[in-house]
């Protein structure tokens, strides 16, 4: 038999209106944050920065570099119209793109749309670690050993930077180069390429053999272009390097060590490195800063909570200036969900000057 309860003496259940209101407020705050973050991720910010290079040639004073990185195949409106709107009224002399042009599937349409925004401006680019390999050494449908996204970018007038390019001339020059060029031992590389070419020549004819030989021929030609540039370089010249990965303290040590050896050139210092890869930490936490960068960065505890000084913006290591682009997209290398949080996609307009700047 059910136990009788006198309604007069039954204890009423307590309600918790404060807790319910708190939960509702938390949900509203999360929804509002997500909404504004989606809007924030769809726009592009332009950061302006002056960088002092004491050895800058007179012809390069106030040279304006538009630094873009880590597009990751994203489209900011039809034909990248939101990027075009952000850049409206801005003046720049060259565009430097420091890698990760394609999306996770290798699609590069958005990258080609980006290039089309600059029909009258030299557009230099390098590949990133999440792009398809720049050279194809196996049988494929094309006639060039270059990857399709590189070839089509070049068809639009962009310049794939795989050897030094002289931007100014006179008593001293400004050179733009991929960072790895400065540590290439030309003699060792030449021997390795020749050996591999000889090995391939002994193999039976096949589509793979033809593709591999074409890639070797391209690399041999590239090595000659590197050597030709080195022969023109003077000790008074200024060097700007493009690197997808930001250089760590150890990388800088290794680079300076190589530059101080006999490497067929007169390069003894690099004034500025432009890089990307970190996408500003992808997630930026209020009052804390970037949440995570790839573990291989050497920053923070296995990449977590890295020093924001080295994640984006200008820093100096062993006397070498390095500007790390906040980037436009997101990176799978960070190991975070594929969205930017409190981290506006950003392009940087860099002005080079001999004047002291803050």
Foldseek 3Di string as FASTA:
>chain_A
DDDDDDPVPDDDDDDDVVVVVVVVVVVVVVVVQVVVQVVLLLAAAEAEAEDADQLDDPVQAFAKEWEAEQPQQDANPVLNVRVLVNCPPPDHAAYEYQENQHHQVQDRPRVLSVLVSCLPHAYEYEYDPSHPDQAALFFDDDDARGDPNVVVSVVSPYHYAAAKDWDDDDPATEIEHALVLLQDQLVVVVVVLVVVLVVLVPDDDDSSSVSNNNRSVVVVVSSVRNLVVQVVHDLSYEYEHRHAQDADLVSVVVSQVSLPDPRNHNDNDYAEYEYEQQLQLLEQDPPQGRAFGALVNPADDSGGSGDSQPSAAWDDHPNHIYGYANHSFDDVRRVDPGHGRPRRHYMYIYTYHNDDDD
